[in-house]
Amino acid sequence: MKRPPLILASASPRRAELLKLLSVEFTVLPSAAEEVAPEHLSPLEVCQLNAHRKARAVAKKIPDALVLGSDTLVFLDNEILGKPRDLADARRMLARLQNRTHQVVTGVSLIHLRAHRERIFAVSTDVLFHPLDDQQIRAYLAKINPLDKAGAYALQEFGELIISEISGSYSNVVGLPVERLRSELATWEMS
């Protein structure tokens, strides 16, 4: 029994690093699927939908592989805080997050098209920020590139400067819930 070849449908180096922690062989083939955010869907549903769209786009090209798609978003009061447009937008996002708890949700889709199998799930983690003033926010933004990060921050990059507490999966906040993914991948053994 062995798992079909695994493909990570993401260009994120953070996701690739997290997947390596599971000691599984995989290749990277980024998905070109556009992300959507229908207003009638919950945060978990939005992430699951986008993960599915990404995985399915790659699975259509390589139907004999097990394709892993994922989508991570930051939510504050059920409002999506995506990637900031510019530094001013990043400052605004961090100012909104300061001294508050928000959710980081990662949707994951595993698809093996040839076998007609799919598993979709989402993991949510609560993150509490320290109280931050404008000077602290500017100092943090000077240390990272916030423009490619949902919510304008990265837990793994000087996160201790802004984050007070995490309730749930650390790796989920980075971009892939490895604890849950480990158990899900174990169910994909094929004969």
N, C-alpha and C. Protein backbone atom coordinates (compact mmCIF):
# COMPACT_ATOMS: atom_id res chain seq x y z
N MET A 1 0.84 -1.18 0.00
CA MET A 1 0.00 0.00 0.00
C MET A 1 0.88 1.24 0.00
N LYS A 2 0.63 2.12 -0.94
CA LYS A 2 1.35 3.39 -0.94
C LYS A 2 0.45 4.49 -1.47
N ARG A 3 0.79 5.68 -1.06
CA ARG A 3 0.03 6.87 -1.45
C ARG A 3 0.41 7.24 -2.88
N PRO A 4 -0.54 7.75 -3.67
CA PRO A 4 -0.19 8.24 -5.01
C PRO A 4 0.75 9.43 -4.88
N PRO A 5 1.45 9.81 -5.96
CA PRO A 5 2.35 10.96 -5.90
C PRO A 5 1.60 12.20 -5.39
N LEU A 6 2.24 12.93 -4.51
CA LEU A 6 1.63 14.11 -3.89
C LEU A 6 2.11 15.37 -4.58
N ILE A 7 1.17 16.24 -4.90
CA ILE A 7 1.50 17.53 -5.51
C ILE A 7 0.95 18.64 -4.63
N LEU A 8 1.79 19.59 -4.29
CA LEU A 8 1.38 20.78 -3.55
C LEU A 8 1.01 21.84 -4.57
N ALA A 9 -0.26 22.23 -4.60
CA ALA A 9 -0.76 23.20 -5.58
C ALA A 9 -0.60 24.62 -5.05
N SER A 10 0.62 24.95 -4.66
CA SER A 10 0.88 26.26 -4.05
C SER A 10 2.32 26.67 -4.31
N ALA A 11 2.54 27.95 -4.54
CA ALA A 11 3.89 28.49 -4.72
C ALA A 11 4.47 28.97 -3.39
N SER A 12 3.73 28.82 -2.31
CA SER A 12 4.16 29.33 -1.01
C SER A 12 5.34 28.54 -0.46
N PRO A 13 6.48 29.20 -0.25
CA PRO A 13 7.61 28.49 0.36
C PRO A 13 7.30 28.07 1.80
N ARG A 14 6.44 28.81 2.48
CA ARG A 14 6.08 28.45 3.85
C ARG A 14 5.31 27.13 3.86
N ARG A 15 4.39 26.95 2.92
CA ARG A 15 3.63 25.69 2.87
C ARG A 15 4.55 24.52 2.53
N ALA A 16 5.48 24.74 1.61
CA ALA A 16 6.42 23.67 1.26
C ALA A 16 7.27 23.28 2.47
N GLU A 17 7.72 24.25 3.24
CA GLU A 17 8.50 23.95 4.45
C GLU A 17 7.68 23.17 5.46
N LEU A 18 6.42 23.55 5.63
CA LEU A 18 5.55 22.82 6.57
C LEU A 18 5.29 21.40 6.10
N LEU A 19 5.07 21.22 4.80
CA LEU A 19 4.81 19.88 4.27
C LEU A 19 6.03 18.99 4.44
N LYS A 20 7.22 19.56 4.35
CA LYS A 20 8.45 18.78 4.56
C LYS A 20 8.52 18.23 5.98
N LEU A 21 7.89 18.91 6.94
CA LEU A 21 7.89 18.43 8.32
C LEU A 21 7.20 17.08 8.45
N LEU A 22 6.34 16.74 7.50
CA LEU A 22 5.62 15.47 7.53
C LEU A 22 6.42 14.33 6.91
N SER A 23 7.61 14.64 6.41
CA SER A 23 8.50 13.64 5.79
C SER A 23 7.81 12.88 4.65
N VAL A 24 7.07 13.62 3.83
CA VAL A 24 6.45 13.02 2.65
C VAL A 24 7.10 13.62 1.41
N GLU A 25 7.22 12.80 0.39
CA GLU A 25 7.74 13.30 -0.88
C GLU A 25 6.62 14.02 -1.62
N PHE A 26 6.95 15.15 -2.25
CA PHE A 26 5.95 15.89 -3.01
C PHE A 26 6.65 16.75 -4.04
N THR A 27 5.87 17.16 -5.03
CA THR A 27 6.34 18.14 -6.00
C THR A 27 5.44 19.35 -5.88
N VAL A 28 5.94 20.47 -6.38
CA VAL A 28 5.19 21.72 -6.32
C VAL A 28 4.72 22.09 -7.72
N LEU A 29 3.43 22.32 -7.85
CA LEU A 29 2.85 22.80 -9.10
C LEU A 29 1.79 23.83 -8.72
N PRO A 30 2.17 25.11 -8.70
CA PRO A 30 1.21 26.14 -8.27
C PRO A 30 -0.05 26.16 -9.12
N SER A 31 -1.14 26.41 -8.47
CA SER A 31 -2.44 26.51 -9.13
C SER A 31 -2.66 27.93 -9.62
N ALA A 32 -3.31 28.03 -10.78
CA ALA A 32 -3.65 29.35 -11.33
C ALA A 32 -5.09 29.74 -11.01
N ALA A 33 -5.76 28.96 -10.19
CA ALA A 33 -7.16 29.23 -9.87
C ALA A 33 -7.29 30.56 -9.13
N GLU A 34 -8.28 31.33 -9.53
CA GLU A 34 -8.55 32.61 -8.88
C GLU A 34 -9.25 32.37 -7.55
N GLU A 35 -8.88 33.16 -6.54
CA GLU A 35 -9.55 33.07 -5.25
C GLU A 35 -10.84 33.88 -5.30
N VAL A 36 -11.87 33.35 -4.64
CA VAL A 36 -13.17 34.02 -4.58
C VAL A 36 -13.59 34.13 -3.12
N ALA A 37 -14.52 35.03 -2.85
CA ALA A 37 -15.03 35.20 -1.48
C ALA A 37 -16.51 35.57 -1.51
N PRO A 38 -17.36 34.60 -1.87
CA PRO A 38 -18.80 34.88 -1.89
C PRO A 38 -19.27 35.31 -0.49
N GLU A 39 -20.05 36.37 -0.45
CA GLU A 39 -20.47 36.94 0.83
C GLU A 39 -21.36 36.02 1.66
N HIS A 40 -22.07 35.12 1.00
CA HIS A 40 -22.99 34.24 1.73
C HIS A 40 -22.28 33.07 2.43
N LEU A 41 -20.97 32.91 2.20
CA LEU A 41 -20.23 31.81 2.82
C LEU A 41 -19.54 32.25 4.10
N SER A 42 -19.41 31.31 5.02
CA SER A 42 -18.68 31.58 6.27
C SER A 42 -17.17 31.60 5.98
N PRO A 43 -16.36 32.10 6.93
CA PRO A 43 -14.91 32.10 6.73
C PRO A 43 -14.36 30.70 6.41
N LEU A 44 -14.82 29.68 7.15
CA LEU A 44 -14.34 28.33 6.87
C LEU A 44 -14.73 27.87 5.47
N GLU A 45 -15.96 28.20 5.07
CA GLU A 45 -16.42 27.80 3.73
C GLU A 45 -15.65 28.50 2.62
N VAL A 46 -15.31 29.77 2.82
CA VAL A 46 -14.53 30.51 1.80
C VAL A 46 -13.17 29.84 1.61
N CYS A 47 -12.51 29.51 2.72
CA CYS A 47 -11.20 28.87 2.63
C CYS A 47 -11.29 27.49 2.00
N GLN A 48 -12.31 26.73 2.36
CA GLN A 48 -12.49 25.41 1.77
C GLN A 48 -12.76 25.50 0.27
N LEU A 49 -13.59 26.45 -0.13
CA LEU A 49 -13.91 26.64 -1.54
C LEU A 49 -12.65 26.97 -2.34
N ASN A 50 -11.85 27.91 -1.85
CA ASN A 50 -10.64 28.29 -2.57
C ASN A 50 -9.61 27.16 -2.60
N ALA A 51 -9.49 26.41 -1.51
CA ALA A 51 -8.59 25.26 -1.50
C ALA A 51 -9.03 24.24 -2.55
N HIS A 52 -10.33 24.00 -2.62
CA HIS A 52 -10.88 23.07 -3.61
C HIS A 52 -10.60 23.56 -5.03
N ARG A 53 -10.84 24.84 -5.30
CA ARG A 53 -10.61 25.39 -6.64
C ARG A 53 -9.14 25.23 -7.05
N LYS A 54 -8.24 25.49 -6.12
CA LYS A 54 -6.80 25.38 -6.42
C LYS A 54 -6.40 23.92 -6.69
N ALA A 55 -6.85 23.02 -5.82
CA ALA A 55 -6.50 21.61 -5.99
C ALA A 55 -7.10 21.04 -7.27
N ARG A 56 -8.34 21.36 -7.53
CA ARG A 56 -9.02 20.81 -8.71
C ARG A 56 -8.37 21.28 -10.01
N ALA A 57 -7.92 22.54 -10.06
CA ALA A 57 -7.27 23.05 -11.27
C ALA A 57 -6.01 22.24 -11.59
N VAL A 58 -5.26 21.88 -10.58
CA VAL A 58 -4.05 21.10 -10.80
C VAL A 58 -4.39 19.63 -11.04
N ALA A 59 -5.38 19.10 -10.32
CA ALA A 59 -5.78 17.70 -10.49
C ALA A 59 -6.28 17.41 -11.90
N LYS A 60 -6.89 18.38 -12.54
CA LYS A 60 -7.35 18.20 -13.92
C LYS A 60 -6.18 17.96 -14.86
N LYS A 61 -5.04 18.53 -14.54
CA LYS A 61 -3.84 18.35 -15.38
C LYS A 61 -3.13 17.03 -15.08
N ILE A 62 -3.20 16.59 -13.82
CA ILE A 62 -2.49 15.37 -13.40
C ILE A 62 -3.46 14.53 -12.56
N PRO A 63 -4.39 13.82 -13.22
CA PRO A 63 -5.46 13.11 -12.50
C PRO A 63 -5.00 11.91 -11.68
N ASP A 64 -3.79 11.40 -11.91
CA ASP A 64 -3.31 10.25 -11.16
C ASP A 64 -2.58 10.63 -9.88
N ALA A 65 -2.44 11.92 -9.63
CA ALA A 65 -1.74 12.39 -8.44
C ALA A 65 -2.74 12.76 -7.34
N LEU A 66 -2.25 12.78 -6.12
CA LEU A 66 -3.01 13.31 -4.99
C LEU A 66 -2.60 14.77 -4.88
N VAL A 67 -3.54 15.67 -5.10
CA VAL A 67 -3.23 17.11 -5.14
C VAL A 67 -3.72 17.76 -3.86
N LEU A 68 -2.84 18.55 -3.28
CA LEU A 68 -3.11 19.28 -2.05
C LEU A 68 -3.24 20.77 -2.36
N GLY A 69 -4.45 21.29 -2.18
CA GLY A 69 -4.69 22.73 -2.34
C GLY A 69 -5.01 23.32 -0.99
N SER A 70 -4.61 24.54 -0.76
CA SER A 70 -4.92 25.17 0.52
C SER A 70 -5.10 26.67 0.35
N ASP A 71 -5.80 27.24 1.31
CA ASP A 71 -6.05 28.68 1.30
C ASP A 71 -6.12 29.14 2.76
N THR A 72 -5.32 30.14 3.09
CA THR A 72 -5.30 30.67 4.45
C THR A 72 -5.76 32.11 4.43
N LEU A 73 -6.71 32.43 5.30
CA LEU A 73 -7.19 33.80 5.41
C LEU A 73 -7.26 34.22 6.86
N VAL A 74 -7.16 35.52 7.06
CA VAL A 74 -7.29 36.13 8.38
C VAL A 74 -8.67 36.77 8.43
N PHE A 75 -9.39 36.52 9.53
CA PHE A 75 -10.72 37.07 9.69
C PHE A 75 -10.80 37.83 11.00
N LEU A 76 -11.38 39.00 10.95
CA LEU A 76 -11.66 39.79 12.14
C LEU A 76 -13.14 40.13 12.10
N ASP A 77 -13.88 39.65 13.07
CA ASP A 77 -15.34 39.85 13.10
C ASP A 77 -15.98 39.38 11.80
N ASN A 78 -15.56 38.21 11.32
CA ASN A 78 -16.05 37.60 10.08
C ASN A 78 -15.75 38.40 8.82
N GLU A 79 -14.91 39.40 8.90
CA GLU A 79 -14.47 40.15 7.72
C GLU A 79 -13.09 39.65 7.30
N ILE A 80 -12.93 39.38 6.01
CA ILE A 80 -11.65 38.90 5.50
C ILE A 80 -10.63 40.03 5.49
N LEU A 81 -9.47 39.74 6.06
CA LEU A 81 -8.31 40.64 5.94
C LEU A 81 -7.31 39.90 5.06
N GLY A 82 -7.35 40.18 3.78
CA GLY A 82 -6.47 39.49 2.84
C GLY A 82 -5.09 40.10 2.81
N LYS A 83 -4.44 39.98 1.68
CA LYS A 83 -3.12 40.58 1.52
C LYS A 83 -3.29 42.08 1.32
N PRO A 84 -2.49 42.88 2.02
CA PRO A 84 -2.64 44.33 1.89
C PRO A 84 -2.23 44.84 0.50
N ARG A 85 -2.89 45.91 0.08
CA ARG A 85 -2.59 46.51 -1.22
C ARG A 85 -1.26 47.22 -1.22
N ASP A 86 -0.92 47.84 -0.08
CA ASP A 86 0.32 48.61 0.04
C ASP A 86 0.67 48.73 1.52
N LEU A 87 1.74 49.43 1.84
CA LEU A 87 2.17 49.55 3.23
C LEU A 87 1.15 50.29 4.09
N ALA A 88 0.50 51.28 3.52
CA ALA A 88 -0.52 52.01 4.28
C ALA A 88 -1.67 51.07 4.66
N ASP A 89 -2.06 50.21 3.74
CA ASP A 89 -3.10 49.23 4.01
C ASP A 89 -2.63 48.23 5.08
N ALA A 90 -1.37 47.84 5.02
CA ALA A 90 -0.80 46.93 6.02
C ALA A 90 -0.84 47.58 7.41
N ARG A 91 -0.49 48.85 7.50
CA ARG A 91 -0.55 49.56 8.79
C ARG A 91 -1.97 49.60 9.33
N ARG A 92 -2.94 49.86 8.44
CA ARG A 92 -4.34 49.90 8.85
C ARG A 92 -4.79 48.53 9.39
N MET A 93 -4.39 47.46 8.70
CA MET A 93 -4.78 46.12 9.14
C MET A 93 -4.22 45.82 10.53
N LEU A 94 -2.94 46.07 10.72
CA LEU A 94 -2.32 45.78 12.02
C LEU A 94 -2.92 46.64 13.12
N ALA A 95 -3.28 47.88 12.79
CA ALA A 95 -3.92 48.75 13.78
C ALA A 95 -5.28 48.18 14.19
N ARG A 96 -6.00 47.59 13.24
CA ARG A 96 -7.29 46.98 13.55
C ARG A 96 -7.13 45.71 14.39
N LEU A 97 -6.05 44.97 14.15
CA LEU A 97 -5.83 43.71 14.85
C LEU A 97 -5.26 43.89 16.25
N GLN A 98 -4.62 45.03 16.49
CA GLN A 98 -3.94 45.22 17.77
C GLN A 98 -4.91 45.12 18.95
N ASN A 99 -4.44 44.39 19.98
CA ASN A 99 -5.18 44.20 21.22
C ASN A 99 -6.51 43.46 21.04
N ARG A 100 -6.63 42.69 19.96
CA ARG A 100 -7.86 41.95 19.68
C ARG A 100 -7.53 40.52 19.27
N THR A 101 -8.51 39.67 19.41
CA THR A 101 -8.39 38.29 18.94
C THR A 101 -9.04 38.18 17.57
N HIS A 102 -8.33 37.53 16.66
CA HIS A 102 -8.89 37.27 15.33
C HIS A 102 -8.68 35.79 15.02
N GLN A 103 -9.23 35.35 13.89
CA GLN A 103 -9.11 33.96 13.48
C GLN A 103 -8.27 33.85 12.22
N VAL A 104 -7.44 32.82 12.22
CA VAL A 104 -6.72 32.43 11.01
C VAL A 104 -7.29 31.09 10.60
N VAL A 105 -7.84 31.03 9.39
CA VAL A 105 -8.49 29.82 8.90
C VAL A 105 -7.73 29.32 7.67
N THR A 106 -7.43 28.02 7.68
CA THR A 106 -6.84 27.40 6.50
C THR A 106 -7.77 26.30 6.02
N GLY A 107 -8.17 26.42 4.77
CA GLY A 107 -8.94 25.37 4.11
C GLY A 107 -7.97 24.48 3.37
N VAL A 108 -8.23 23.17 3.39
CA VAL A 108 -7.37 22.20 2.71
C VAL A 108 -8.24 21.28 1.88
N SER A 109 -7.79 21.02 0.66
CA SER A 109 -8.48 20.09 -0.22
C SER A 109 -7.46 19.07 -0.73
N LEU A 110 -7.79 17.80 -0.57
CA LEU A 110 -6.99 16.71 -1.12
C LEU A 110 -7.84 16.03 -2.19
N ILE A 111 -7.34 16.01 -3.41
CA ILE A 111 -8.10 15.43 -4.52
C ILE A 111 -7.25 14.42 -5.28
N HIS A 112 -7.83 13.25 -5.50
CA HIS A 112 -7.26 12.26 -6.42
C HIS A 112 -8.35 12.04 -7.46
N LEU A 113 -8.22 12.74 -8.58
CA LEU A 113 -9.29 12.78 -9.57
C LEU A 113 -9.58 11.41 -10.17
N ARG A 114 -8.52 10.65 -10.52
CA ARG A 114 -8.71 9.35 -11.15
C ARG A 114 -9.49 8.40 -10.24
N ALA A 115 -9.25 8.47 -8.95
CA ALA A 115 -9.93 7.59 -7.99
C ALA A 115 -11.26 8.18 -7.52
N HIS A 116 -11.59 9.37 -8.00
CA HIS A 116 -12.84 10.04 -7.60
C HIS A 116 -12.92 10.20 -6.08
N ARG A 117 -11.80 10.60 -5.49
CA ARG A 117 -11.76 10.82 -4.04
C ARG A 117 -11.39 12.26 -3.75
N GLU A 118 -12.06 12.81 -2.75
CA GLU A 118 -11.73 14.16 -2.33
C GLU A 118 -12.03 14.29 -0.84
N ARG A 119 -11.20 15.05 -0.17
CA ARG A 119 -11.40 15.35 1.25
C ARG A 119 -11.14 16.84 1.43
N ILE A 120 -12.11 17.55 1.98
CA ILE A 120 -11.98 18.98 2.22
C ILE A 120 -12.23 19.24 3.70
N PHE A 121 -11.36 20.05 4.30
CA PHE A 121 -11.55 20.43 5.70
C PHE A 121 -10.95 21.80 5.94
N ALA A 122 -11.25 22.37 7.08
CA ALA A 122 -10.69 23.67 7.47
C ALA A 122 -10.34 23.62 8.94
N VAL A 123 -9.30 24.37 9.28
CA VAL A 123 -8.84 24.49 10.66
C VAL A 123 -8.80 25.97 11.00
N SER A 124 -9.28 26.31 12.19
CA SER A 124 -9.29 27.70 12.64
C SER A 124 -8.45 27.84 13.90
N THR A 125 -7.66 28.90 13.97
CA THR A 125 -6.82 29.19 15.12
C THR A 125 -7.09 30.63 15.56
N ASP A 126 -7.25 30.82 16.86
CA ASP A 126 -7.43 32.17 17.42
C ASP A 126 -6.07 32.78 17.72
N VAL A 127 -5.90 34.04 17.32
CA VAL A 127 -4.65 34.76 17.54
C VAL A 127 -4.97 36.09 18.22
N LEU A 128 -4.30 36.33 19.34
CA LEU A 128 -4.47 37.58 20.08
C LEU A 128 -3.22 38.44 19.89
N PHE A 129 -3.43 39.68 19.47
CA PHE A 129 -2.32 40.62 19.30
C PHE A 129 -2.08 41.39 20.59
N HIS A 130 -0.83 41.80 20.77
CA HIS A 130 -0.48 42.73 21.84
C HIS A 130 -1.15 44.08 21.56
N PRO A 131 -1.32 44.92 22.56
CA PRO A 131 -1.65 46.32 22.27
C PRO A 131 -0.46 46.92 21.52
N LEU A 132 -0.71 47.59 20.42
CA LEU A 132 0.36 48.15 19.59
C LEU A 132 0.08 49.60 19.28
N ASP A 133 1.10 50.44 19.36
CA ASP A 133 0.94 51.82 18.92
C ASP A 133 1.52 51.94 17.51
N ASP A 134 1.37 53.11 16.93
CA ASP A 134 1.79 53.32 15.54
C ASP A 134 3.29 53.07 15.37
N GLN A 135 4.08 53.46 16.34
CA GLN A 135 5.53 53.25 16.24
C GLN A 135 5.88 51.76 16.24
N GLN A 136 5.21 50.99 17.07
CA GLN A 136 5.45 49.54 17.12
C GLN A 136 5.02 48.87 15.81
N ILE A 137 3.92 49.32 15.24
CA ILE A 137 3.45 48.77 13.97
C ILE A 137 4.45 49.08 12.87
N ARG A 138 4.92 50.32 12.80
CA ARG A 138 5.92 50.69 11.78
C ARG A 138 7.21 49.90 11.95
N ALA A 139 7.64 49.70 13.20
CA ALA A 139 8.87 48.94 13.46
C ALA A 139 8.72 47.50 12.99
N TYR A 140 7.54 46.90 13.24
CA TYR A 140 7.31 45.53 12.79
C TYR A 140 7.32 45.46 11.26
N LEU A 141 6.62 46.38 10.62
CA LEU A 141 6.54 46.36 9.16
C LEU A 141 7.90 46.61 8.50
N ALA A 142 8.81 47.26 9.20
CA ALA A 142 10.16 47.49 8.67
C ALA A 142 10.97 46.19 8.65
N LYS A 143 10.53 45.20 9.42
CA LYS A 143 11.26 43.93 9.53
C LYS A 143 10.77 42.86 8.54
N ILE A 144 9.56 43.01 8.00
CA ILE A 144 9.00 41.97 7.13
C ILE A 144 8.44 42.60 5.86
N ASN A 145 8.12 41.74 4.89
CA ASN A 145 7.37 42.18 3.71
C ASN A 145 5.93 41.75 3.92
N PRO A 146 5.05 42.68 4.30
CA PRO A 146 3.67 42.29 4.61
C PRO A 146 2.78 42.10 3.39
N LEU A 147 3.25 42.48 2.21
CA LEU A 147 2.37 42.53 1.05
C LEU A 147 1.95 41.17 0.51
N ASP A 148 2.67 40.10 0.89
CA ASP A 148 2.27 38.78 0.42
C ASP A 148 1.69 37.92 1.54
N LYS A 149 1.22 38.60 2.60
CA LYS A 149 0.73 37.88 3.78
C LYS A 149 -0.68 38.33 4.15
N ALA A 150 -1.57 37.37 4.28
CA ALA A 150 -2.93 37.69 4.74
C ALA A 150 -2.84 38.34 6.11
N GLY A 151 -3.56 39.43 6.28
CA GLY A 151 -3.55 40.14 7.56
C GLY A 151 -2.31 40.99 7.77
N ALA A 152 -1.39 41.01 6.82
CA ALA A 152 -0.18 41.84 6.83
C ALA A 152 0.84 41.42 7.88
N TYR A 153 0.80 40.15 8.29
CA TYR A 153 1.81 39.71 9.26
C TYR A 153 2.15 38.24 9.04
N ALA A 154 3.26 37.84 9.65
CA ALA A 154 3.69 36.45 9.60
C ALA A 154 4.12 36.02 10.99
N LEU A 155 3.47 35.01 11.50
CA LEU A 155 3.79 34.49 12.83
C LEU A 155 5.26 34.12 12.94
N GLN A 156 5.80 33.51 11.88
CA GLN A 156 7.16 33.00 11.90
C GLN A 156 8.21 34.08 11.67
N GLU A 157 7.79 35.29 11.38
CA GLU A 157 8.72 36.40 11.15
C GLU A 157 8.48 37.48 12.19
N PHE A 158 9.22 37.41 13.29
CA PHE A 158 9.12 38.39 14.38
C PHE A 158 7.72 38.48 14.97
N GLY A 159 6.99 37.37 14.90
CA GLY A 159 5.63 37.34 15.43
C GLY A 159 5.55 37.70 16.90
N GLU A 160 6.62 37.42 17.64
CA GLU A 160 6.62 37.73 19.07
C GLU A 160 6.48 39.23 19.34
N LEU A 161 6.79 40.05 18.35
CA LEU A 161 6.65 41.51 18.51
C LEU A 161 5.19 41.96 18.52
N ILE A 162 4.32 41.18 17.91
CA ILE A 162 2.93 41.61 17.76
C ILE A 162 1.92 40.65 18.37
N ILE A 163 2.30 39.38 18.53
CA ILE A 163 1.35 38.36 18.96
C ILE A 163 1.53 38.05 20.44
N SER A 164 0.42 38.10 21.15
CA SER A 164 0.41 37.82 22.58
C SER A 164 0.12 36.35 22.87
N GLU A 165 -0.82 35.76 22.11
CA GLU A 165 -1.28 34.41 22.42
C GLU A 165 -1.88 33.74 21.20
N ILE A 166 -1.68 32.41 21.12
CA ILE A 166 -2.28 31.61 20.05
C ILE A 166 -3.06 30.48 20.70
N SER A 167 -4.29 30.28 20.25
CA SER A 167 -5.10 29.19 20.75
C SER A 167 -5.44 28.29 19.57
N GLY A 168 -4.72 27.18 19.45
CA GLY A 168 -4.91 26.27 18.33
C GLY A 168 -3.58 25.95 17.66
N SER A 169 -3.65 25.60 16.40
CA SER A 169 -2.49 25.14 15.63
C SER A 169 -1.58 26.27 15.20
N TYR A 170 -0.32 26.19 15.64
CA TYR A 170 0.72 27.16 15.21
C TYR A 170 0.92 27.08 13.70
N SER A 171 1.09 25.84 13.19
CA SER A 171 1.38 25.69 11.76
C SER A 171 0.22 26.17 10.89
N ASN A 172 -0.99 26.10 11.41
CA ASN A 172 -2.15 26.62 10.68
C ASN A 172 -2.00 28.11 10.41
N VAL A 173 -1.49 28.84 11.39
CA VAL A 173 -1.29 30.29 11.22
C VAL A 173 -0.21 30.56 10.19
N VAL A 174 0.78 29.68 10.10
CA VAL A 174 1.84 29.83 9.11
C VAL A 174 1.33 29.49 7.70
N GLY A 175 0.33 28.60 7.60
CA GLY A 175 -0.24 28.33 6.28
C GLY A 175 -0.67 26.91 5.98
N LEU A 176 -0.45 25.96 6.92
CA LEU A 176 -0.87 24.59 6.67
C LEU A 176 -1.00 23.87 8.01
N PRO A 177 -2.18 23.35 8.33
CA PRO A 177 -2.37 22.68 9.63
C PRO A 177 -1.76 21.28 9.60
N VAL A 178 -0.46 21.17 9.89
CA VAL A 178 0.24 19.90 9.71
C VAL A 178 -0.29 18.79 10.62
N GLU A 179 -0.76 19.14 11.80
CA GLU A 179 -1.28 18.11 12.70
C GLU A 179 -2.46 17.37 12.07
N ARG A 180 -3.40 18.13 11.57
CA ARG A 180 -4.59 17.54 10.93
C ARG A 180 -4.21 16.90 9.59
N LEU A 181 -3.33 17.55 8.85
CA LEU A 181 -2.94 17.04 7.54
C LEU A 181 -2.25 15.68 7.66
N ARG A 182 -1.46 15.49 8.70
CA ARG A 182 -0.77 14.20 8.90
C ARG A 182 -1.81 13.08 8.97
N SER A 183 -2.85 13.26 9.75
CA SER A 183 -3.85 12.19 9.89
C SER A 183 -4.67 12.03 8.61
N GLU A 184 -4.94 13.11 7.92
CA GLU A 184 -5.70 13.01 6.66
C GLU A 184 -4.89 12.28 5.59
N LEU A 185 -3.59 12.58 5.49
CA LEU A 185 -2.77 11.90 4.48
C LEU A 185 -2.66 10.40 4.74
N ALA A 186 -2.72 10.01 5.99
CA ALA A 186 -2.63 8.59 6.34
C ALA A 186 -3.80 7.80 5.76
N THR A 187 -4.92 8.45 5.49
CA THR A 187 -6.09 7.76 4.94
C THR A 187 -5.99 7.59 3.42
N TRP A 188 -4.95 8.11 2.80
CA TRP A 188 -4.83 8.07 1.35
C TRP A 188 -3.91 6.97 0.85
N GLU A 189 -3.65 5.97 1.64
CA GLU A 189 -2.85 4.86 1.18
C GLU A 189 -3.63 4.11 0.11
N MET A 190 -2.96 3.80 -0.98
CA MET A 190 -3.62 3.14 -2.11
C MET A 190 -2.96 1.78 -2.36
N SER A 191 -3.70 0.84 -2.94
CA SER A 191 -3.11 -0.47 -3.27
C SER A 191 -2.57 -0.43 -4.68
